[in-house]
């Protein structure tokens, strides 16, 4: 798994940006897992290419060069919009001077709490946002980044779910059950095998716990899984799943995932697209207090719409 805990692109104010990146990486695990790139436009675009389908590819002796097929598969351009986020730390001079039971500077502690909120809000946006929203400052409409689901098996930001041009396989599924089932997970893994993807993670929240743990049952009974000879505890958790095609994925629980939803992906196929790395802005003084605003502007980028899968539970009536 590719864990990345700090910024490594041009233009970042390294010290502060790295501090933000290293706050609670296990709590905001999707951001910690995926890569990062620098972008120069809030509405950023990237292109993807496809392998050509297999063919017989046999020519006769004495062939003419003009007979060789020179056509190419089309390049697809995808796009997403950045989402500007901000948090503020505001404290009176008295609050900053007052002694507290906890050691350390209270302003630093309050700042860290706000930075955790910034990362929490970003994690939620990446995992739960729908199609991106174009910023419209004239009408006071903030831009919003398209979330994970909007970039899976779609070229138009999630409006239309379509099949992979090469394999003809869709990778976005809606279960016939309110909560996705084991069969749904196996089907989605099989679809990713068809598209040539290399999944490594199944990400869910607690609403999927029963389905995941049931994959370790045999004949309706929980299997007793021990870590060693001296371990007397019973582990009901499935740490990894290997499907019939030999693909092994690790199950990761993330409390910020949407309920009754499964994401299957490889962390190397996703990137945070950073237009403006987290930076501090001191506001003008107009009273006996201190206020600092932390601002960032980021988006999400997917290498290929068909290298990840989504399984949604059946919508409630």
C-alpha atoms as a PDB file:
ATOM      1  CA  UNK A   1       0.000   0.000   0.000  1.00  0.00           C
ATOM      2  CA  UNK A   2       1.282   3.436  -0.871  1.00  0.00           C
ATOM      3  CA  UNK A   3       1.170   5.616   2.229  1.00  0.00           C
ATOM      4  CA  UNK A   4       2.128   9.235   1.722  1.00  0.00           C
ATOM      5  CA  UNK A   5       2.320  11.486   4.735  1.00  0.00           C
ATOM      6  CA  UNK A   6       3.806  14.717   3.389  1.00  0.00           C
ATOM      7  CA  UNK A   7       3.706  17.060   0.449  1.00  0.00           C
ATOM      8  CA  UNK A   8       6.315  16.515  -2.237  1.00  0.00           C
ATOM      9  CA  UNK A   9       5.339  18.861  -5.045  1.00  0.00           C
ATOM     10  CA  UNK A  10       6.588  22.262  -6.069  1.00  0.00           C
ATOM     11  CA  UNK A  11       5.463  25.444  -4.441  1.00  0.00           C
ATOM     12  CA  UNK A  12       4.535  24.057  -1.041  1.00  0.00           C
ATOM     13  CA  UNK A  13       5.449  25.878   2.130  1.00  0.00           C
ATOM     14  CA  UNK A  14       7.019  22.703   3.401  1.00  0.00           C
ATOM     15  CA  UNK A  15       6.992  23.131   7.142  1.00  0.00           C
ATOM     16  CA  UNK A  16       3.322  23.953   7.642  1.00  0.00           C
ATOM     17  CA  UNK A  17       2.011  21.754   4.828  1.00  0.00           C
ATOM     18  CA  UNK A  18       3.903  18.756   6.188  1.00  0.00           C
ATOM     19  CA  UNK A  19       2.532  19.425   9.661  1.00  0.00           C
ATOM     20  CA  UNK A  20      -1.006  19.328   8.301  1.00  0.00           C
ATOM     21  CA  UNK A  21      -0.327  16.189   6.264  1.00  0.00           C
ATOM     22  CA  UNK A  22       0.988  14.306   9.289  1.00  0.00           C
ATOM     23  CA  UNK A  23      -1.968  15.024  11.578  1.00  0.00           C
ATOM     24  CA  UNK A  24      -3.891  11.830  12.407  1.00  0.00           C
ATOM     25  CA  UNK A  25      -3.013   9.809   9.280  1.00  0.00           C
ATOM     26  CA  UNK A  26      -4.796   6.723  10.642  1.00  0.00           C
ATOM     27  CA  UNK A  27      -8.021   8.634  11.292  1.00  0.00           C
ATOM     28  CA  UNK A  28      -8.190  10.042   7.771  1.00  0.00           C
ATOM     29  CA  UNK A  29      -6.833   7.013   6.019  1.00  0.00           C
ATOM     30  CA  UNK A  30      -8.021   7.607   2.452  1.00  0.00           C
ATOM     31  CA  UNK A  31      -5.988  10.827   2.231  1.00  0.00           C
ATOM     32  CA  UNK A  32      -3.001   9.068   3.788  1.00  0.00           C
ATOM     33  CA  UNK A  33      -3.129   6.225   1.287  1.00  0.00           C
ATOM     34  CA  UNK A  34      -3.362   8.088  -1.996  1.00  0.00           C
ATOM     35  CA  UNK A  35      -0.735  10.109  -3.842  1.00  0.00           C
ATOM     36  CA  UNK A  36      -0.543  13.810  -4.472  1.00  0.00           C
ATOM     37  CA  UNK A  37       0.143  16.138  -7.383  1.00  0.00           C
ATOM     38  CA  UNK A  38       0.352  19.870  -8.026  1.00  0.00           C
ATOM     39  CA  UNK A  39      -2.171  21.425 -10.393  1.00  0.00           C
ATOM     40  CA  UNK A  40      -2.390  24.935 -11.866  1.00  0.00           C
ATOM     41  CA  UNK A  41      -6.127  25.345 -12.425  1.00  0.00           C
ATOM     42  CA  UNK A  42      -9.101  24.963 -10.094  1.00  0.00           C
ATOM     43  CA  UNK A  43     -11.047  23.246 -12.893  1.00  0.00           C
ATOM     44  CA  UNK A  44      -8.318  20.775 -13.740  1.00  0.00           C
ATOM     45  CA  UNK A  45      -8.323  18.228 -16.531  1.00  0.00           C
ATOM     46  CA  UNK A  46      -6.348  15.097 -17.266  1.00  0.00           C
ATOM     47  CA  UNK A  47      -6.415  12.558 -20.052  1.00  0.00           C
ATOM     48  CA  UNK A  48      -6.464   8.784 -20.091  1.00  0.00           C
ATOM     49  CA  UNK A  49      -5.567   6.348 -22.861  1.00  0.00           C
ATOM     50  CA  UNK A  50      -6.526   2.736 -23.438  1.00  0.00           C
ATOM     51  CA  UNK A  51      -4.857  -0.361 -24.803  1.00  0.00           C
ATOM     52  CA  UNK A  52      -6.241  -1.553 -28.103  1.00  0.00           C
ATOM     53  CA  UNK A  53      -8.294  -4.761 -28.135  1.00  0.00           C
ATOM     54  CA  UNK A  54      -6.581  -7.980 -29.161  1.00  0.00           C
ATOM     55  CA  UNK A  55      -6.911  -8.990 -32.821  1.00  0.00           C
ATOM     56  CA  UNK A  56      -5.713 -11.790 -35.082  1.00  0.00           C
ATOM     57  CA  UNK A  57      -2.925  -9.528 -36.413  1.00  0.00           C
ATOM     58  CA  UNK A  58      -1.766 -11.784 -39.258  1.00  0.00           C
ATOM     59  CA  UNK A  59      -0.491 -10.446 -42.604  1.00  0.00           C
ATOM     60  CA  UNK A  60       0.509 -12.247 -45.785  1.00  0.00           C
ATOM     61  CA  UNK A  61       4.022 -12.365 -47.193  1.00  0.00           C
ATOM     62  CA  UNK A  62       4.688  -9.414 -49.481  1.00  0.00           C
ATOM     63  CA  UNK A  63       2.252  -7.187 -47.585  1.00  0.00           C
ATOM     64  CA  UNK A  64       1.991  -3.495 -48.352  1.00  0.00           C
ATOM     65  CA  UNK A  65       2.733  -1.014 -45.590  1.00  0.00           C
ATOM     66  CA  UNK A  66      -0.538   0.732 -46.381  1.00  0.00           C
ATOM     67  CA  UNK A  67      -2.388  -2.405 -45.315  1.00  0.00           C
ATOM     68  CA  UNK A  68      -1.213  -2.086 -41.699  1.00  0.00           C
ATOM     69  CA  UNK A  69      -3.940  -0.630 -39.542  1.00  0.00           C
ATOM     70  CA  UNK A  70      -2.769   2.688 -38.112  1.00  0.00           C
ATOM     71  CA  UNK A  71      -5.971   3.707 -36.334  1.00  0.00           C
ATOM     72  CA  UNK A  72      -5.731   4.600 -32.654  1.00  0.00           C
ATOM     73  CA  UNK A  73      -8.056   4.349 -29.702  1.00  0.00           C
ATOM     74  CA  UNK A  74      -9.398   7.748 -28.661  1.00  0.00           C
ATOM     75  CA  UNK A  75      -8.002   9.706 -25.743  1.00  0.00           C
ATOM     76  CA  UNK A  76     -10.562  10.589 -23.076  1.00  0.00           C
ATOM     77  CA  UNK A  77     -10.330  13.857 -21.161  1.00  0.00           C
ATOM     78  CA  UNK A  78     -11.648  13.879 -17.595  1.00  0.00           C
ATOM     79  CA  UNK A  79     -12.082  16.830 -15.267  1.00  0.00           C
ATOM     80  CA  UNK A  80     -12.805  17.755 -11.667  1.00  0.00           C
ATOM     81  CA  UNK A  81     -13.090  20.951  -9.669  1.00  0.00           C
ATOM     82  CA  UNK A  82     -11.184  22.016  -6.578  1.00  0.00           C
ATOM     83  CA  UNK A  83     -12.956  22.660  -3.304  1.00  0.00           C
ATOM     84  CA  UNK A  84     -11.740  25.566  -1.222  1.00  0.00           C
ATOM     85  CA  UNK A  85     -11.807  24.807   2.488  1.00  0.00           C
ATOM     86  CA  UNK A  86     -10.980  27.014   5.433  1.00  0.00           C
ATOM     87  CA  UNK A  87     -10.902  26.824   9.221  1.00  0.00           C
ATOM     88  CA  UNK A  88     -10.215  29.615  11.708  1.00  0.00           C
ATOM     89  CA  UNK A  89      -8.577  29.746  15.123  1.00  0.00           C
ATOM     90  CA  UNK A  90      -9.771  32.684  17.211  1.00  0.00           C
ATOM     91  CA  UNK A  91      -8.780  33.292  20.822  1.00  0.00           C
ATOM     92  CA  UNK A  92      -8.764  36.248  23.162  1.00  0.00           C
ATOM     93  CA  UNK A  93      -5.510  37.426  24.662  1.00  0.00           C
ATOM     94  CA  UNK A  94      -6.714  36.328  28.098  1.00  0.00           C
ATOM     95  CA  UNK A  95      -7.401  32.805  26.868  1.00  0.00           C
ATOM     96  CA  UNK A  96      -3.909  32.558  25.465  1.00  0.00           C
ATOM     97  CA  UNK A  97      -2.301  33.741  28.715  1.00  0.00           C
ATOM     98  CA  UNK A  98      -4.366  31.663  31.099  1.00  0.00           C
ATOM     99  CA  UNK A  99      -2.784  28.580  32.701  1.00  0.00           C
ATOM    100  CA  UNK A 100      -4.309  25.187  31.885  1.00  0.00           C
ATOM    101  CA  UNK A 101      -4.054  21.728  33.374  1.00  0.00           C
ATOM    102  CA  UNK A 102      -2.736  20.309  30.142  1.00  0.00           C
ATOM    103  CA  UNK A 103       0.825  21.227  29.309  1.00  0.00           C
ATOM    104  CA  UNK A 104       1.769  23.079  26.167  1.00  0.00           C
ATOM    105  CA  UNK A 105       0.552  26.157  24.422  1.00  0.00           C
ATOM    106  CA  UNK A 106      -3.237  26.339  24.274  1.00  0.00           C
ATOM    107  CA  UNK A 107      -3.162  28.151  20.950  1.00  0.00           C
ATOM    108  CA  UNK A 108      -1.141  25.314  19.410  1.00  0.00           C
ATOM    109  CA  UNK A 109      -3.607  22.771  20.752  1.00  0.00           C
ATOM    110  CA  UNK A 110      -6.613  24.662  19.413  1.00  0.00           C
ATOM    111  CA  UNK A 111      -4.881  25.013  16.059  1.00  0.00           C
ATOM    112  CA  UNK A 112      -4.317  21.266  15.854  1.00  0.00           C
ATOM    113  CA  UNK A 113      -8.000  20.666  16.586  1.00  0.00           C
ATOM    114  CA  UNK A 114      -8.944  22.945  13.702  1.00  0.00           C
ATOM    115  CA  UNK A 115      -6.474  21.233  11.376  1.00  0.00           C
ATOM    116  CA  UNK A 116      -8.060  17.898  12.258  1.00  0.00           C
ATOM    117  CA  UNK A 117     -11.389  19.404  11.239  1.00  0.00           C
ATOM    118  CA  UNK A 118      -9.898  20.519   7.928  1.00  0.00           C
ATOM    119  CA  UNK A 119      -8.676  16.989   7.206  1.00  0.00           C
ATOM    120  CA  UNK A 120     -11.957  15.491   8.395  1.00  0.00           C
ATOM    121  CA  UNK A 121     -13.972  17.732   6.074  1.00  0.00           C
ATOM    122  CA  UNK A 122     -11.707  16.845   3.169  1.00  0.00           C
ATOM    123  CA  UNK A 123     -11.994  13.113   3.882  1.00  0.00           C
ATOM    124  CA  UNK A 124     -15.784  13.401   3.893  1.00  0.00           C
ATOM    125  CA  UNK A 125     -15.763  15.400   0.642  1.00  0.00           C
ATOM    126  CA  UNK A 126     -13.537  12.886  -1.136  1.00  0.00           C
ATOM    127  CA  UNK A 127     -15.612   9.908   0.002  1.00  0.00           C
ATOM    128  CA  UNK A 128     -19.185  11.255  -0.114  1.00  0.00           C
ATOM    129  CA  UNK A 129     -19.416  14.173  -2.574  1.00  0.00           C
ATOM    130  CA  UNK A 130     -21.384  13.672  -5.760  1.00  0.00           C
ATOM    131  CA  UNK A 131     -20.594  15.288  -9.101  1.00  0.00           C
ATOM    132  CA  UNK A 132     -18.330  18.332  -8.922  1.00  0.00           C
ATOM    133  CA  UNK A 133     -19.843  21.797  -8.737  1.00  0.00           C
ATOM    134  CA  UNK A 134     -18.340  24.567 -10.849  1.00  0.00           C
ATOM    135  CA  UNK A 135     -17.504  27.645  -8.805  1.00  0.00           C
ATOM    136  CA  UNK A 136     -19.687  30.658  -9.594  1.00  0.00           C
ATOM    137  CA  UNK A 137     -18.485  33.590  -7.521  1.00  0.00           C
ATOM    138  CA  UNK A 138     -20.924  36.029  -9.118  1.00  0.00           C
ATOM    139  CA  UNK A 139     -23.841  34.017  -7.770  1.00  0.00           C
ATOM    140  CA  UNK A 140     -22.088  33.112  -4.509  1.00  0.00           C
ATOM    141  CA  UNK A 141     -21.810  29.402  -5.374  1.00  0.00           C
ATOM    142  CA  UNK A 142     -18.641  27.743  -4.030  1.00  0.00           C
ATOM    143  CA  UNK A 143     -16.925  25.081  -6.084  1.00  0.00           C
ATOM    144  CA  UNK A 144     -17.078  21.500  -4.816  1.00  0.00           C
ATOM    145  CA  UNK A 145     -14.848  18.628  -5.802  1.00  0.00           C
ATOM    146  CA  UNK A 146     -16.356  15.504  -7.300  1.00  0.00           C
ATOM    147  CA  UNK A 147     -16.171  12.579  -4.872  1.00  0.00           C
ATOM    148  CA  UNK A 148     -15.029   8.989  -5.326  1.00  0.00           C
ATOM    149  CA  UNK A 149     -18.295   7.681  -6.793  1.00  0.00           C
ATOM    150  CA  UNK A 150     -18.496  10.412  -9.430  1.00  0.00           C
ATOM    151  CA  UNK A 151     -15.293   9.197 -11.076  1.00  0.00           C
ATOM    152  CA  UNK A 152     -15.980   5.452 -11.239  1.00  0.00           C
ATOM    153  CA  UNK A 153     -17.257   3.925 -14.495  1.00  0.00           C
ATOM    154  CA  UNK A 154     -18.147   7.379 -15.817  1.00  0.00           C
ATOM    155  CA  UNK A 155     -16.666  10.010 -18.106  1.00  0.00           C
ATOM    156  CA  UNK A 156     -19.072  12.828 -17.199  1.00  0.00           C
ATOM    157  CA  UNK A 157     -18.602  13.090 -13.461  1.00  0.00           C
ATOM    158  CA  UNK A 158     -21.065  10.388 -12.482  1.00  0.00           C
ATOM    159  CA  UNK A 159     -24.079  11.558 -14.484  1.00  0.00           C
ATOM    160  CA  UNK A 160     -23.924   8.443 -16.671  1.00  0.00           C
ATOM    161  CA  UNK A 161     -22.472   5.050 -15.767  1.00  0.00           C
ATOM    162  CA  UNK A 162     -20.862   3.485 -18.835  1.00  0.00           C
ATOM    163  CA  UNK A 163     -18.738   0.462 -19.674  1.00  0.00           C
ATOM    164  CA  UNK A 164     -14.992   0.286 -20.168  1.00  0.00           C
ATOM    165  CA  UNK A 165     -14.290   0.906 -23.902  1.00  0.00           C
ATOM    166  CA  UNK A 166     -11.820  -1.991 -24.047  1.00  0.00           C
ATOM    167  CA  UNK A 167     -13.564  -4.734 -22.068  1.00  0.00           C
ATOM    168  CA  UNK A 168     -17.190  -3.599 -22.169  1.00  0.00           C
ATOM    169  CA  UNK A 169     -17.395  -3.984 -18.384  1.00  0.00           C
ATOM    170  CA  UNK A 170     -19.058  -1.591 -15.940  1.00  0.00           C
ATOM    171  CA  UNK A 171     -17.560  -1.228 -12.459  1.00  0.00           C
ATOM    172  CA  UNK A 172     -20.382   0.647 -10.703  1.00  0.00           C
ATOM    173  CA  UNK A 173     -23.001  -1.593  -9.112  1.00  0.00           C
ATOM    174  CA  UNK A 174     -26.252  -1.198  -7.196  1.00  0.00           C
ATOM    175  CA  UNK A 175     -27.100  -4.156  -4.992  1.00  0.00           C
ATOM    176  CA  UNK A 176     -30.541  -5.752  -4.930  1.00  0.00           C
ATOM    177  CA  UNK A 177     -30.197  -5.633  -1.122  1.00  0.00           C
ATOM    178  CA  UNK A 178     -30.149  -2.601   1.161  1.00  0.00           C
ATOM    179  CA  UNK A 179     -26.701  -3.701   2.286  1.00  0.00           C
ATOM    180  CA  UNK A 180     -24.306  -5.063  -0.377  1.00  0.00           C
ATOM    181  CA  UNK A 181     -23.745  -8.809  -0.113  1.00  0.00           C
ATOM    182  CA  UNK A 182     -20.790 -11.149  -0.420  1.00  0.00           C
ATOM    183  CA  UNK A 183     -21.921 -12.000  -3.961  1.00  0.00           C
ATOM    184  CA  UNK A 184     -21.916  -8.287  -4.818  1.00  0.00           C
ATOM    185  CA  UNK A 185     -18.315  -7.972  -3.623  1.00  0.00           C
ATOM    186  CA  UNK A 186     -17.170 -11.031  -5.560  1.00  0.00           C
ATOM    187  CA  UNK A 187     -18.952  -9.755  -8.692  1.00  0.00           C
ATOM    188  CA  UNK A 188     -17.278  -6.341  -8.410  1.00  0.00           C
ATOM    189  CA  UNK A 189     -13.854  -7.922  -7.923  1.00  0.00           C
ATOM    190  CA  UNK A 190     -14.493 -10.053 -11.003  1.00  0.00           C
ATOM    191  CA  UNK A 191     -15.390  -6.950 -13.006  1.00  0.00           C
ATOM    192  CA  UNK A 192     -12.104  -5.306 -12.029  1.00  0.00           C
ATOM    193  CA  UNK A 193     -10.218  -8.407 -13.135  1.00  0.00           C
ATOM    194  CA  UNK A 194     -11.920  -8.111 -16.546  1.00  0.00           C
ATOM    195  CA  UNK A 195     -10.911  -4.454 -16.909  1.00  0.00           C
ATOM    196  CA  UNK A 196      -7.294  -5.249 -16.011  1.00  0.00           C
ATOM    197  CA  UNK A 197      -7.343  -3.355 -12.711  1.00  0.00           C
ATOM    198  CA  UNK A 198      -5.219  -4.276  -9.706  1.00  0.00           C
ATOM    199  CA  UNK A 199      -7.421  -3.758  -6.622  1.00  0.00           C
ATOM    200  CA  UNK A 200      -5.768  -3.802  -3.203  1.00  0.00           C
ATOM    201  CA  UNK A 201      -8.365  -2.323  -0.824  1.00  0.00           C
ATOM    202  CA  UNK A 202     -12.010  -2.793   0.090  1.00  0.00           C
ATOM    203  CA  UNK A 203     -13.098   0.270   2.061  1.00  0.00           C
ATOM    204  CA  UNK A 204     -16.329   0.259   4.087  1.00  0.00           C
ATOM    205  CA  UNK A 205     -17.799   1.640   7.305  1.00  0.00           C
ATOM    206  CA  UNK A 206     -19.490  -0.173  10.185  1.00  0.00           C
ATOM    207  CA  UNK A 207     -22.755  -0.730   8.260  1.00  0.00           C
ATOM    208  CA  UNK A 208     -20.908  -3.381   6.243  1.00  0.00           C
ATOM    209  CA  UNK A 209     -19.469  -5.185   9.290  1.00  0.00           C
ATOM    210  CA  UNK A 210     -22.009  -8.036   9.244  1.00  0.00           C
ATOM    211  CA  UNK A 211     -21.475  -8.732   5.540  1.00  0.00           C
ATOM    212  CA  UNK A 212     -17.702  -8.661   5.866  1.00  0.00           C
ATOM    213  CA  UNK A 213     -17.547 -10.836   8.980  1.00  0.00           C
ATOM    214  CA  UNK A 214     -20.027 -13.302   7.444  1.00  0.00           C
ATOM    215  CA  UNK A 215     -17.464 -13.968   4.723  1.00  0.00           C
ATOM    216  CA  UNK A 216     -15.560 -15.802   7.455  1.00  0.00           C
ATOM    217  CA  UNK A 217     -18.480 -18.050   8.393  1.00  0.00           C
ATOM    218  CA  UNK A 218     -18.836 -21.690   7.454  1.00  0.00           C
ATOM    219  CA  UNK A 219     -22.259 -23.289   7.454  1.00  0.00           C
ATOM    220  CA  UNK A 220     -23.693 -20.309   9.332  1.00  0.00           C
ATOM    221  CA  UNK A 221     -21.132 -20.617  12.156  1.00  0.00           C
ATOM    222  CA  UNK A 222     -18.351 -18.160  12.867  1.00  0.00           C
ATOM    223  CA  UNK A 223     -14.881 -19.582  12.343  1.00  0.00           C
ATOM    224  CA  UNK A 224     -12.503 -19.265  15.257  1.00  0.00           C
ATOM    225  CA  UNK A 225      -9.399 -17.572  13.943  1.00  0.00           C
ATOM    226  CA  UNK A 226      -6.389 -17.367  16.276  1.00  0.00           C
ATOM    227  CA  UNK A 227      -3.214 -15.336  15.869  1.00  0.00           C
ATOM    228  CA  UNK A 228      -1.025 -18.012  17.448  1.00  0.00           C
ATOM    229  CA  UNK A 229      -0.862 -21.017  19.749  1.00  0.00           C
ATOM    230  CA  UNK A 230      -1.118 -18.875  22.872  1.00  0.00           C
ATOM    231  CA  UNK A 231      -3.913 -16.661  21.542  1.00  0.00           C
ATOM    232  CA  UNK A 232      -7.243 -17.593  23.117  1.00  0.00           C
ATOM    233  CA  UNK A 233      -9.214 -14.752  21.575  1.00  0.00           C
ATOM    234  CA  UNK A 234     -11.601 -15.157  18.686  1.00  0.00           C
ATOM    235  CA  UNK A 235     -11.104 -12.918  15.669  1.00  0.00           C
ATOM    236  CA  UNK A 236     -14.306 -12.334  13.696  1.00  0.00           C
ATOM    237  CA  UNK A 237     -12.643  -9.819  11.403  1.00  0.00           C
ATOM    238  CA  UNK A 238     -11.740 -10.517   7.803  1.00  0.00           C
ATOM    239  CA  UNK A 239      -8.414  -8.765   7.285  1.00  0.00           C
ATOM    240  CA  UNK A 240      -8.058  -9.874   3.680  1.00  0.00           C
ATOM    241  CA  UNK A 241     -10.321 -11.395   1.054  1.00  0.00           C
ATOM    242  CA  UNK A 242      -9.085 -13.550  -1.825  1.00  0.00           C
ATOM    243  CA  UNK A 243     -11.609 -14.016  -4.604  1.00  0.00           C
ATOM    244  CA  UNK A 244     -11.942 -17.039  -6.953  1.00  0.00           C
ATOM    245  CA  UNK A 245      -9.649 -15.285  -9.455  1.00  0.00           C
ATOM    246  CA  UNK A 246      -6.805 -15.047  -6.937  1.00  0.00           C
ATOM    247  CA  UNK A 247      -7.127 -11.327  -6.269  1.00  0.00           C
ATOM    248  CA  UNK A 248      -6.354 -10.470  -2.646  1.00  0.00           C
ATOM    249  CA  UNK A 249      -7.640  -7.237  -1.131  1.00  0.00           C
ATOM    250  CA  UNK A 250      -7.365  -5.833   2.368  1.00  0.00           C
ATOM    251  CA  UNK A 251     -10.494  -4.740   4.217  1.00  0.00           C
ATOM    252  CA  UNK A 252     -10.176  -1.245   5.682  1.00  0.00           C
ATOM    253  CA  UNK A 253     -12.863   0.349   7.816  1.00  0.00           C
ATOM    254  CA  UNK A 254     -13.305   4.086   7.470  1.00  0.00           C
ATOM    255  CA  UNK A 255     -15.928   5.836   9.602  1.00  0.00           C
ATOM    256  CA  UNK A 256     -16.314   8.563   6.964  1.00  0.00           C
ATOM    257  CA  UNK A 257     -17.450   6.181   4.242  1.00  0.00           C
ATOM    258  CA  UNK A 258     -21.101   6.440   3.137  1.00  0.00           C
ATOM    259  CA  UNK A 259     -23.326   3.797   4.726  1.00  0.00           C
ATOM    260  CA  UNK A 260     -24.082   0.520   2.946  1.00  0.00           C
ATOM    261  CA  UNK A 261     -21.448   1.270   0.330  1.00  0.00           C
ATOM    262  CA  UNK A 262     -18.274  -0.504  -0.778  1.00  0.00           C
ATOM    263  CA  UNK A 263     -15.287   1.037  -2.545  1.00  0.00           C
ATOM    264  CA  UNK A 264     -12.733  -1.293  -4.141  1.00  0.00           C
ATOM    265  CA  UNK A 265      -9.561   0.336  -5.432  1.00  0.00           C
ATOM    266  CA  UNK A 266      -5.792   0.539  -5.610  1.00  0.00           C
ATOM    267  CA  UNK A 267      -4.371   3.539  -3.751  1.00  0.00           C
ATOM    268  CA  UNK A 268      -1.927   4.209  -6.593  1.00  0.00           C
ATOM    269  CA  UNK A 269      -4.850   4.990  -8.918  1.00  0.00           C
ATOM    270  CA  UNK A 270      -6.012   8.005  -6.871  1.00  0.00           C
ATOM    271  CA  UNK A 271      -4.387  11.359  -6.183  1.00  0.00           C
ATOM    272  CA  UNK A 272      -5.093  14.519  -4.289  1.00  0.00           C
ATOM    273  CA  UNK A 273      -4.824  17.307  -6.836  1.00  0.00           C
ATOM    274  CA  UNK A 274      -3.530  20.329  -4.919  1.00  0.00           C
ATOM    275  CA  UNK A 275      -4.153  23.807  -6.295  1.00  0.00           C
ATOM    276  CA  UNK A 276      -3.398  25.544  -3.017  1.00  0.00           C
ATOM    277  CA  UNK A 277      -1.643  23.661  -0.240  1.00  0.00           C
ATOM    278  CA  UNK A 278      -2.759  24.379   3.345  1.00  0.00           C
ATOM    279  CA  UNK A 279      -1.466  27.800   4.322  1.00  0.00           C
ATOM    280  CA  UNK A 280      -2.065  30.226   7.176  1.00  0.00           C
ATOM    281  CA  UNK A 281      -3.431  33.731   6.778  1.00  0.00           C
ATOM    282  CA  UNK A 282      -3.332  36.190   9.663  1.00  0.00           C
ATOM    283  CA  UNK A 283      -6.307  38.522   9.744  1.00  0.00           C
ATOM    284  CA  UNK A 284      -5.980  42.246  10.534  1.00  0.00           C
ATOM    285  CA  UNK A 285      -6.307  43.081  14.226  1.00  0.00           C
ATOM    286  CA  UNK A 286      -9.516  44.837  15.180  1.00  0.00           C
ATOM    287  CA  UNK A 287      -9.744  43.797  18.824  1.00  0.00           C
ATOM    288  CA  UNK A 288      -7.988  42.137  21.734  1.00  0.00           C
ATOM    289  CA  UNK A 289      -7.785  38.687  20.196  1.00  0.00           C
ATOM    290  CA  UNK A 290      -5.805  36.697  17.658  1.00  0.00           C
ATOM    291  CA  UNK A 291      -7.314  35.044  14.601  1.00  0.00           C
ATOM    292  CA  UNK A 292      -5.617  32.913  11.984  1.00  0.00           C
ATOM    293  CA  UNK A 293      -7.362  31.300   9.021  1.00  0.00           C
ATOM    294  CA  UNK A 294      -6.034  28.133   7.388  1.00  0.00           C
ATOM    295  CA  UNK A 295      -6.991  27.780   3.722  1.00  0.00           C
ATOM    296  CA  UNK A 296      -6.518  24.940   1.235  1.00  0.00           C
ATOM    297  CA  UNK A 297      -7.855  24.267  -2.258  1.00  0.00           C
ATOM    298  CA  UNK A 298      -7.814  20.661  -3.454  1.00  0.00           C
ATOM    299  CA  UNK A 299      -9.491  18.187  -5.740  1.00  0.00           C
ATOM    300  CA  UNK A 300      -9.477  14.446  -6.412  1.00  0.00           C
ATOM    301  CA  UNK A 301      -8.151  12.648  -9.478  1.00  0.00           C
ATOM    302  CA  UNK A 302      -8.700   9.068 -10.685  1.00  0.00           C
ATOM    303  CA  UNK A 303      -6.266   7.440 -13.102  1.00  0.00           C
ATOM    304  CA  UNK A 304      -8.918   5.487 -14.986  1.00  0.00           C
ATOM    305  CA  UNK A 305     -12.694   5.265 -14.347  1.00  0.00           C
ATOM    306  CA  UNK A 306     -12.661   1.470 -14.645  1.00  0.00           C
ATOM    307  CA  UNK A 307      -9.756   0.619 -12.340  1.00  0.00           C
ATOM    308  CA  UNK A 308     -11.949   1.055  -9.222  1.00  0.00           C
ATOM    309  CA  UNK A 309     -15.388  -0.227  -8.277  1.00  0.00           C
ATOM    310  CA  UNK A 310     -18.369   1.053  -6.296  1.00  0.00           C
ATOM    311  CA  UNK A 311     -21.154  -1.045  -4.789  1.00  0.00           C
ATOM    312  CA  UNK A 312     -24.138   0.842  -3.424  1.00  0.00           C
ATOM    313  CA  UNK A 313     -26.930  -0.656  -1.370  1.00  0.00           C
ATOM    314  CA  UNK A 314     -30.424  -0.699  -2.816  1.00  0.00           C
ATOM    315  CA  UNK A 315     -31.952   2.776  -2.310  1.00  0.00           C
ATOM    316  CA  UNK A 316     -34.572   2.943   0.395  1.00  0.00           C
ATOM    317  CA  UNK A 317     -38.103   3.724  -0.731  1.00  0.00           C
END
